[in-house]
Amino acid sequence: MTRETGGRDPLHGITLKAMLTELVELYGWEELARRIRIKCFATDPSVDSSLKFLRRTPWAREKVEALYLSRKRVNSDIWG
């Protein structure tokens, strides 16, 4: 990745674990499972088990990233 693309990627430097942890703190597991229909969020959820699933399942990871980015956009629109 070049310096230029790093500046354009809003997820650059943010780990999947950091995204998931922030979303869980913000919404809780129940609301997260409602927003993103993934079984690992609804049944005996944990950060570790969810990370394993998200790392193996691109479509699920994309949904988590999209929710994270939409939340960041809302915050930057309000405060930015």
PDB file of N, CA and C in Angstrom:
ATOM      1  N   MET A   1       0.855  -1.184   0.000  1.00  0.00           N
ATOM      2  CA  MET A   1       0.000   0.000   0.000  1.00  0.00           C
ATOM      3  C   MET A   1       0.891   1.233   0.000  1.00  0.00           C
ATOM      4  N   THR A   2       0.563   2.151  -0.847  1.00  0.00           N
ATOM      5  CA  THR A   2       1.344   3.375  -0.916  1.00  0.00           C
ATOM      6  C   THR A   2       0.819   4.382   0.088  1.00  0.00           C
ATOM      7  N   ARG A   3       1.587   5.404   0.287  1.00  0.00           N
ATOM      8  CA  ARG A   3       1.174   6.467   1.203  1.00  0.00           C
ATOM      9  C   ARG A   3      -0.136   7.102   0.726  1.00  0.00           C
ATOM     10  N   GLU A   4      -0.281   7.254  -0.595  1.00  0.00           N
ATOM     11  CA  GLU A   4      -1.492   7.871  -1.144  1.00  0.00           C
ATOM     12  C   GLU A   4      -2.735   7.044  -0.854  1.00  0.00           C
ATOM     13  N   THR A   5      -2.678   5.737  -1.067  1.00  0.00           N
ATOM     14  CA  THR A   5      -3.870   4.917  -0.843  1.00  0.00           C
ATOM     15  C   THR A   5      -4.188   4.810   0.636  1.00  0.00           C
ATOM     16  N   GLY A   6      -3.177   4.842   1.485  1.00  0.00           N
ATOM     17  CA  GLY A   6      -3.426   4.808   2.924  1.00  0.00           C
ATOM     18  C   GLY A   6      -4.227   6.004   3.382  1.00  0.00           C
ATOM     19  N   GLY A   7      -4.010   7.147   2.753  1.00  0.00           N
ATOM     20  CA  GLY A   7      -4.743   8.348   3.118  1.00  0.00           C
ATOM     21  C   GLY A   7      -6.201   8.310   2.690  1.00  0.00           C
ATOM     22  N   ARG A   8      -6.496   7.549   1.669  1.00  0.00           N
ATOM     23  CA  ARG A   8      -7.866   7.471   1.160  1.00  0.00           C
ATOM     24  C   ARG A   8      -8.672   6.356   1.810  1.00  0.00           C
ATOM     25  N   ASP A   9      -8.013   5.395   2.404  1.00  0.00           N
ATOM     26  CA  ASP A   9      -8.700   4.253   3.008  1.00  0.00           C
ATOM     27  C   ASP A   9      -9.131   4.613   4.424  1.00  0.00           C
ATOM     28  N   PRO A  10     -10.423   4.775   4.664  1.00  0.00           N
ATOM     29  CA  PRO A  10     -10.886   5.176   5.999  1.00  0.00           C
ATOM     30  C   PRO A  10     -10.648   4.114   7.067  1.00  0.00           C
ATOM     31  N   LEU A  11     -10.365   2.878   6.647  1.00  0.00           N
ATOM     32  CA  LEU A  11     -10.104   1.808   7.614  1.00  0.00           C
ATOM     33  C   LEU A  11      -8.612   1.564   7.829  1.00  0.00           C
ATOM     34  N   HIS A  12      -7.781   2.342   7.155  1.00  0.00           N
ATOM     35  CA  HIS A  12      -6.336   2.163   7.285  1.00  0.00           C
ATOM     36  C   HIS A  12      -5.904   2.314   8.740  1.00  0.00           C
ATOM     37  N   GLY A  13      -5.220   1.302   9.251  1.00  0.00           N
ATOM     38  CA  GLY A  13      -4.705   1.346  10.617  1.00  0.00           C
ATOM     39  C   GLY A  13      -5.704   0.912  11.682  1.00  0.00           C
ATOM     40  N   ILE A  14      -6.916   0.568  11.292  1.00  0.00           N
ATOM     41  CA  ILE A  14      -7.930   0.130  12.256  1.00  0.00           C
ATOM     42  C   ILE A  14      -8.085  -1.377  12.122  1.00  0.00           C
ATOM     43  N   THR A  15      -7.859  -2.085  13.201  1.00  0.00           N
ATOM     44  CA  THR A  15      -7.964  -3.537  13.149  1.00  0.00           C
ATOM     45  C   THR A  15      -9.420  -3.976  13.219  1.00  0.00           C
ATOM     46  N   LEU A  16      -9.663  -5.178  12.740  1.00  0.00           N
ATOM     47  CA  LEU A  16     -11.003  -5.752  12.826  1.00  0.00           C
ATOM     48  C   LEU A  16     -11.423  -5.882  14.289  1.00  0.00           C
ATOM     49  N   LYS A  17     -10.487  -6.235  15.139  1.00  0.00           N
ATOM     50  CA  LYS A  17     -10.792  -6.360  16.568  1.00  0.00           C
ATOM     51  C   LYS A  17     -11.212  -5.012  17.158  1.00  0.00           C
ATOM     52  N   ALA A  18     -10.529  -3.951  16.787  1.00  0.00           N
ATOM     53  CA  ALA A  18     -10.885  -2.614  17.286  1.00  0.00           C
ATOM     54  C   ALA A  18     -12.271  -2.207  16.801  1.00  0.00           C
ATOM     55  N   MET A  19     -12.572  -2.487  15.529  1.00  0.00           N
ATOM     56  CA  MET A  19     -13.898  -2.163  14.992  1.00  0.00           C
ATOM     57  C   MET A  19     -14.983  -2.920  15.740  1.00  0.00           C
ATOM     58  N   LEU A  20     -14.787  -4.227  15.881  1.00  0.00           N
ATOM     59  CA  LEU A  20     -15.792  -5.061  16.532  1.00  0.00           C
ATOM     60  C   LEU A  20     -15.980  -4.652  17.986  1.00  0.00           C
ATOM     61  N   THR A  21     -14.903  -4.411  18.686  1.00  0.00           N
ATOM     62  CA  THR A  21     -14.987  -4.008  20.091  1.00  0.00           C
ATOM     63  C   THR A  21     -15.755  -2.702  20.235  1.00  0.00           C
ATOM     64  N   GLU A  22     -15.474  -1.752  19.374  1.00  0.00           N
ATOM     65  CA  GLU A  22     -16.180  -0.468  19.430  1.00  0.00           C
ATOM     66  C   GLU A  22     -17.672  -0.636  19.140  1.00  0.00           C
ATOM     67  N   LEU A  23     -17.999  -1.456  18.155  1.00  0.00           N
ATOM     68  CA  LEU A  23     -19.406  -1.685  17.825  1.00  0.00           C
ATOM     69  C   LEU A  23     -20.141  -2.395  18.956  1.00  0.00           C
ATOM     70  N   VAL A  24     -19.483  -3.350  19.595  1.00  0.00           N
ATOM     71  CA  VAL A  24     -20.102  -4.059  20.722  1.00  0.00           C
ATOM     72  C   VAL A  24     -20.320  -3.103  21.886  1.00  0.00           C
ATOM     73  N   GLU A  25     -19.351  -2.245  22.161  1.00  0.00           N
ATOM     74  CA  GLU A  25     -19.505  -1.267  23.242  1.00  0.00           C
ATOM     75  C   GLU A  25     -20.627  -0.280  22.932  1.00  0.00           C
ATOM     76  N   LEU A  26     -20.760   0.084  21.678  1.00  0.00           N
ATOM     77  CA  LEU A  26     -21.774   1.052  21.268  1.00  0.00           C
ATOM     78  C   LEU A  26     -23.180   0.451  21.254  1.00  0.00           C
ATOM     79  N   TYR A  27     -23.319  -0.713  20.621  1.00  0.00           N
ATOM     80  CA  TYR A  27     -24.642  -1.293  20.407  1.00  0.00           C
ATOM     81  C   TYR A  27     -24.988  -2.444  21.349  1.00  0.00           C
ATOM     82  N   GLY A  28     -23.976  -3.167  21.819  1.00  0.00           N
ATOM     83  CA  GLY A  28     -24.236  -4.409  22.550  1.00  0.00           C
ATOM     84  C   GLY A  28     -24.462  -5.539  21.551  1.00  0.00           C
ATOM     85  N   TRP A  29     -24.312  -6.777  22.024  1.00  0.00           N
ATOM     86  CA  TRP A  29     -24.422  -7.931  21.128  1.00  0.00           C
ATOM     87  C   TRP A  29     -25.817  -8.074  20.532  1.00  0.00           C
ATOM     88  N   GLU A  30     -26.843  -7.848  21.340  1.00  0.00           N
ATOM     89  CA  GLU A  30     -28.213  -8.043  20.855  1.00  0.00           C
ATOM     90  C   GLU A  30     -28.541  -7.093  19.702  1.00  0.00           C
ATOM     91  N   GLU A  31     -28.219  -5.828  19.871  1.00  0.00           N
ATOM     92  CA  GLU A  31     -28.487  -4.850  18.814  1.00  0.00           C
ATOM     93  C   GLU A  31     -27.585  -5.086  17.606  1.00  0.00           C
ATOM     94  N   LEU A  32     -26.346  -5.486  17.844  1.00  0.00           N
ATOM     95  CA  LEU A  32     -25.439  -5.781  16.737  1.00  0.00           C
ATOM     96  C   LEU A  32     -25.981  -6.951  15.913  1.00  0.00           C
ATOM     97  N   ALA A  33     -26.514  -7.969  16.594  1.00  0.00           N
ATOM     98  CA  ALA A  33     -27.107  -9.120  15.896  1.00  0.00           C
ATOM     99  C   ALA A  33     -28.358  -8.712  15.121  1.00  0.00           C
ATOM    100  N   ARG A  34     -29.078  -7.730  15.619  1.00  0.00           N
ATOM    101  CA  ARG A  34     -30.255  -7.242  14.909  1.00  0.00           C
ATOM    102  C   ARG A  34     -29.850  -6.463  13.651  1.00  0.00           C
ATOM    103  N   ARG A  35     -28.816  -5.665  13.761  1.00  0.00           N
ATOM    104  CA  ARG A  35     -28.363  -4.844  12.629  1.00  0.00           C
ATOM    105  C   ARG A  35     -27.645  -5.667  11.562  1.00  0.00           C
ATOM    106  N   ILE A  36     -26.857  -6.651  12.001  1.00  0.00           N
ATOM    107  CA  ILE A  36     -26.126  -7.523  11.083  1.00  0.00           C
ATOM    108  C   ILE A  36     -26.498  -8.953  11.452  1.00  0.00           C
ATOM    109  N   ARG A  37     -27.250  -9.603  10.598  1.00  0.00           N
ATOM    110  CA  ARG A  37     -27.760 -10.942  10.900  1.00  0.00           C
ATOM    111  C   ARG A  37     -26.655 -11.985  10.719  1.00  0.00           C
ATOM    112  N   ILE A  38     -25.880 -12.143  11.784  1.00  0.00           N
ATOM    113  CA  ILE A  38     -24.808 -13.124  11.811  1.00  0.00           C
ATOM    114  C   ILE A  38     -24.990 -13.938  13.086  1.00  0.00           C
ATOM    115  N   LYS A  39     -25.020 -15.246  12.941  1.00  0.00           N
ATOM    116  CA  LYS A  39     -25.312 -16.130  14.067  1.00  0.00           C
ATOM    117  C   LYS A  39     -24.334 -15.942  15.230  1.00  0.00           C
ATOM    118  N   CYS A  40     -23.068 -15.711  14.930  1.00  0.00           N
ATOM    119  CA  CYS A  40     -22.076 -15.587  16.006  1.00  0.00           C
ATOM    120  C   CYS A  40     -22.309 -14.349  16.871  1.00  0.00           C
ATOM    121  N   PHE A  41     -23.106 -13.387  16.394  1.00  0.00           N
ATOM    122  CA  PHE A  41     -23.463 -12.223  17.204  1.00  0.00           C
ATOM    123  C   PHE A  41     -24.665 -12.512  18.092  1.00  0.00           C
ATOM    124  N   ALA A  42     -25.475 -13.488  17.705  1.00  0.00           N
ATOM    125  CA  ALA A  42     -26.725 -13.762  18.416  1.00  0.00           C
ATOM    126  C   ALA A  42     -26.631 -14.936  19.386  1.00  0.00           C
ATOM    127  N   THR A  43     -25.809 -15.920  19.089  1.00  0.00           N
ATOM    128  CA  THR A  43     -25.737 -17.138  19.886  1.00  0.00           C
ATOM    129  C   THR A  43     -24.394 -17.224  20.598  1.00  0.00           C
ATOM    130  N   ASP A  44     -24.420 -17.082  21.912  1.00  0.00           N
ATOM    131  CA  ASP A  44     -23.212 -17.166  22.741  1.00  0.00           C
ATOM    132  C   ASP A  44     -22.078 -16.307  22.164  1.00  0.00           C
ATOM    133  N   PRO A  45     -22.314 -15.005  21.991  1.00  0.00           N
ATOM    134  CA  PRO A  45     -21.327 -14.158  21.314  1.00  0.00           C
ATOM    135  C   PRO A  45     -20.091 -13.871  22.164  1.00  0.00           C
ATOM    136  N   SER A  46     -18.973 -13.775  21.485  1.00  0.00           N
ATOM    137  CA  SER A  46     -17.731 -13.310  22.100  1.00  0.00           C
ATOM    138  C   SER A  46     -16.898 -12.654  21.004  1.00  0.00           C
ATOM    139  N   VAL A  47     -16.011 -11.793  21.415  1.00  0.00           N
ATOM    140  CA  VAL A  47     -15.155 -11.109  20.439  1.00  0.00           C
ATOM    141  C   VAL A  47     -14.282 -12.128  19.716  1.00  0.00           C
ATOM    142  N   ASP A  48     -13.680 -13.051  20.461  1.00  0.00           N
ATOM    143  CA  ASP A  48     -12.770 -14.021  19.840  1.00  0.00           C
ATOM    144  C   ASP A  48     -13.468 -14.902  18.805  1.00  0.00           C
ATOM    145  N   SER A  49     -14.629 -15.465  19.154  1.00  0.00           N
ATOM    146  CA  SER A  49     -15.321 -16.337  18.195  1.00  0.00           C
ATOM    147  C   SER A  49     -15.818 -15.537  16.992  1.00  0.00           C
ATOM    148  N   SER A  50     -16.260 -14.322  17.230  1.00  0.00           N
ATOM    149  CA  SER A  50     -16.725 -13.481  16.126  1.00  0.00           C
ATOM    150  C   SER A  50     -15.578 -13.112  15.198  1.00  0.00           C
ATOM    151  N   LEU A  51     -14.417 -12.811  15.764  1.00  0.00           N
ATOM    152  CA  LEU A  51     -13.254 -12.480  14.935  1.00  0.00           C
ATOM    153  C   LEU A  51     -12.861 -13.652  14.047  1.00  0.00           C
ATOM    154  N   LYS A  52     -12.880 -14.858  14.595  1.00  0.00           N
ATOM    155  CA  LYS A  52     -12.543 -16.041  13.791  1.00  0.00           C
ATOM    156  C   LYS A  52     -13.486 -16.159  12.602  1.00  0.00           C
ATOM    157  N   PHE A  53     -14.779 -15.983  12.858  1.00  0.00           N
ATOM    158  CA  PHE A  53     -15.761 -16.073  11.780  1.00  0.00           C
ATOM    159  C   PHE A  53     -15.562 -14.949  10.765  1.00  0.00           C
ATOM    160  N   LEU A  54     -15.409 -13.733  11.231  1.00  0.00           N
ATOM    161  CA  LEU A  54     -15.287 -12.588  10.328  1.00  0.00           C
ATOM    162  C   LEU A  54     -14.035 -12.671   9.467  1.00  0.00           C
ATOM    163  N   ARG A  55     -12.968 -13.212  10.003  1.00  0.00           N
ATOM    164  CA  ARG A  55     -11.725 -13.332   9.230  1.00  0.00           C
ATOM    165  C   ARG A  55     -11.842 -14.380   8.125  1.00  0.00           C
ATOM    166  N   ARG A  56     -12.729 -15.355   8.310  1.00  0.00           N
ATOM    167  CA  ARG A  56     -12.916 -16.411   7.305  1.00  0.00           C
ATOM    168  C   ARG A  56     -14.055 -16.114   6.335  1.00  0.00           C
ATOM    169  N   THR A  57     -14.852 -15.086   6.617  1.00  0.00           N
ATOM    170  CA  THR A  57     -16.080 -14.858   5.862  1.00  0.00           C
ATOM    171  C   THR A  57     -16.119 -13.414   5.348  1.00  0.00           C
ATOM    172  N   PRO A  58     -15.648 -13.210   4.123  1.00  0.00           N
ATOM    173  CA  PRO A  58     -15.540 -11.842   3.595  1.00  0.00           C
ATOM    174  C   PRO A  58     -16.847 -11.050   3.600  1.00  0.00           C
ATOM    175  N   TRP A  59     -17.980 -11.661   3.240  1.00  0.00           N
ATOM    176  CA  TRP A  59     -19.242 -10.911   3.197  1.00  0.00           C
ATOM    177  C   TRP A  59     -19.632 -10.403   4.576  1.00  0.00           C
ATOM    178  N   ALA A  60     -19.351 -11.192   5.604  1.00  0.00           N
ATOM    179  CA  ALA A  60     -19.694 -10.779   6.968  1.00  0.00           C
ATOM    180  C   ALA A  60     -18.775  -9.648   7.424  1.00  0.00           C
ATOM    181  N   ARG A  61     -17.500  -9.775   7.099  1.00  0.00           N
ATOM    182  CA  ARG A  61     -16.550  -8.716   7.456  1.00  0.00           C
ATOM    183  C   ARG A  61     -16.936  -7.399   6.782  1.00  0.00           C
ATOM    184  N   GLU A  62     -17.353  -7.476   5.526  1.00  0.00           N
ATOM    185  CA  GLU A  62     -17.762  -6.269   4.805  1.00  0.00           C
ATOM    186  C   GLU A  62     -18.950  -5.588   5.481  1.00  0.00           C
ATOM    187  N   LYS A  63     -19.876  -6.370   6.003  1.00  0.00           N
ATOM    188  CA  LYS A  63     -21.033  -5.789   6.701  1.00  0.00           C
ATOM    189  C   LYS A  63     -20.601  -5.085   7.984  1.00  0.00           C
ATOM    190  N   VAL A  64     -19.672  -5.684   8.718  1.00  0.00           N
ATOM    191  CA  VAL A  64     -19.160  -5.061   9.945  1.00  0.00           C
ATOM    192  C   VAL A  64     -18.424  -3.771   9.598  1.00  0.00           C
ATOM    193  N   GLU A  65     -17.582  -3.815   8.572  1.00  0.00           N
ATOM    194  CA  GLU A  65     -16.856  -2.616   8.154  1.00  0.00           C
ATOM    195  C   GLU A  65     -17.820  -1.516   7.713  1.00  0.00           C
ATOM    196  N   ALA A  66     -18.866  -1.881   6.991  1.00  0.00           N
ATOM    197  CA  ALA A  66     -19.839  -0.887   6.524  1.00  0.00           C
ATOM    198  C   ALA A  66     -20.572  -0.236   7.694  1.00  0.00           C
ATOM    199  N   LEU A  67     -20.964  -1.032   8.682  1.00  0.00           N
ATOM    200  CA  LEU A  67     -21.631  -0.469   9.856  1.00  0.00           C
ATOM    201  C   LEU A  67     -20.682   0.446  10.618  1.00  0.00           C
ATOM    202  N   TYR A  68     -19.443   0.026  10.775  1.00  0.00           N
ATOM    203  CA  TYR A  68     -18.436   0.837  11.463  1.00  0.00           C
ATOM    204  C   TYR A  68     -18.246   2.174  10.737  1.00  0.00           C
ATOM    205  N   LEU A  69     -18.100   2.112   9.424  1.00  0.00           N
ATOM    206  CA  LEU A  69     -17.894   3.341   8.646  1.00  0.00           C
ATOM    207  C   LEU A  69     -19.121   4.242   8.678  1.00  0.00           C
ATOM    208  N   SER A  70     -20.312   3.655   8.624  1.00  0.00           N
ATOM    209  CA  SER A  70     -21.517   4.486   8.665  1.00  0.00           C
ATOM    210  C   SER A  70     -21.618   5.203  10.000  1.00  0.00           C
ATOM    211  N   ARG A  71     -21.225   4.557  11.067  1.00  0.00           N
ATOM    212  CA  ARG A  71     -21.234   5.181  12.394  1.00  0.00           C
ATOM    213  C   ARG A  71     -20.203   6.308  12.453  1.00  0.00           C
ATOM    214  N   LYS A  72     -19.037   6.087  11.879  1.00  0.00           N
ATOM    215  CA  LYS A  72     -17.997   7.117  11.872  1.00  0.00           C
ATOM    216  C   LYS A  72     -18.432   8.322  11.042  1.00  0.00           C
ATOM    217  N   ARG A  73     -19.116   8.073   9.930  1.00  0.00           N
ATOM    218  CA  ARG A  73     -19.590   9.178   9.084  1.00  0.00           C
ATOM    219  C   ARG A  73     -20.625  10.015   9.817  1.00  0.00           C
ATOM    220  N   VAL A  74     -21.513   9.362  10.544  1.00  0.00           N
ATOM    221  CA  VAL A  74     -22.531  10.083  11.314  1.00  0.00           C
ATOM    222  C   VAL A  74     -21.856  10.977  12.340  1.00  0.00           C
ATOM    223  N   ASN A  75     -20.880  10.447  13.063  1.00  0.00           N
ATOM    224  CA  ASN A  75     -20.168  11.237  14.069  1.00  0.00           C
ATOM    225  C   ASN A  75     -19.411  12.396  13.441  1.00  0.00           C
ATOM    226  N   SER A  76     -18.765  12.176  12.303  1.00  0.00           N
ATOM    227  CA  SER A  76     -17.999  13.266  11.694  1.00  0.00           C
ATOM    228  C   SER A  76     -18.929  14.323  11.104  1.00  0.00           C
ATOM    229  N   ASP A  77     -20.112  13.927  10.639  1.00  0.00           N
ATOM    230  CA  ASP A  77     -21.076  14.908  10.132  1.00  0.00           C
ATOM    231  C   ASP A  77     -21.595  15.789  11.261  1.00  0.00           C
ATOM    232  N   ILE A  78     -21.805  15.201  12.419  1.00  0.00           N
ATOM    233  CA  ILE A  78     -22.328  15.951  13.563  1.00  0.00           C
ATOM    234  C   ILE A  78     -21.259  16.879  14.138  1.00  0.00           C
ATOM    235  N   TRP A  79     -20.055  16.371  14.320  1.00  0.00           N
ATOM    236  CA  TRP A  79     -18.999  17.111  15.015  1.00  0.00           C
ATOM    237  C   TRP A  79     -17.965  17.715  14.075  1.00  0.00           C
ATOM    238  N   GLY A  80     -17.960  17.292  12.808  1.00  0.00           N
ATOM    239  CA  GLY A  80     -16.878  17.658  11.939  1.00  0.00           C
ATOM    240  C   GLY A  80     -17.004  18.898  11.199  1.00  0.00           C
TER     241      GLY A  80
END
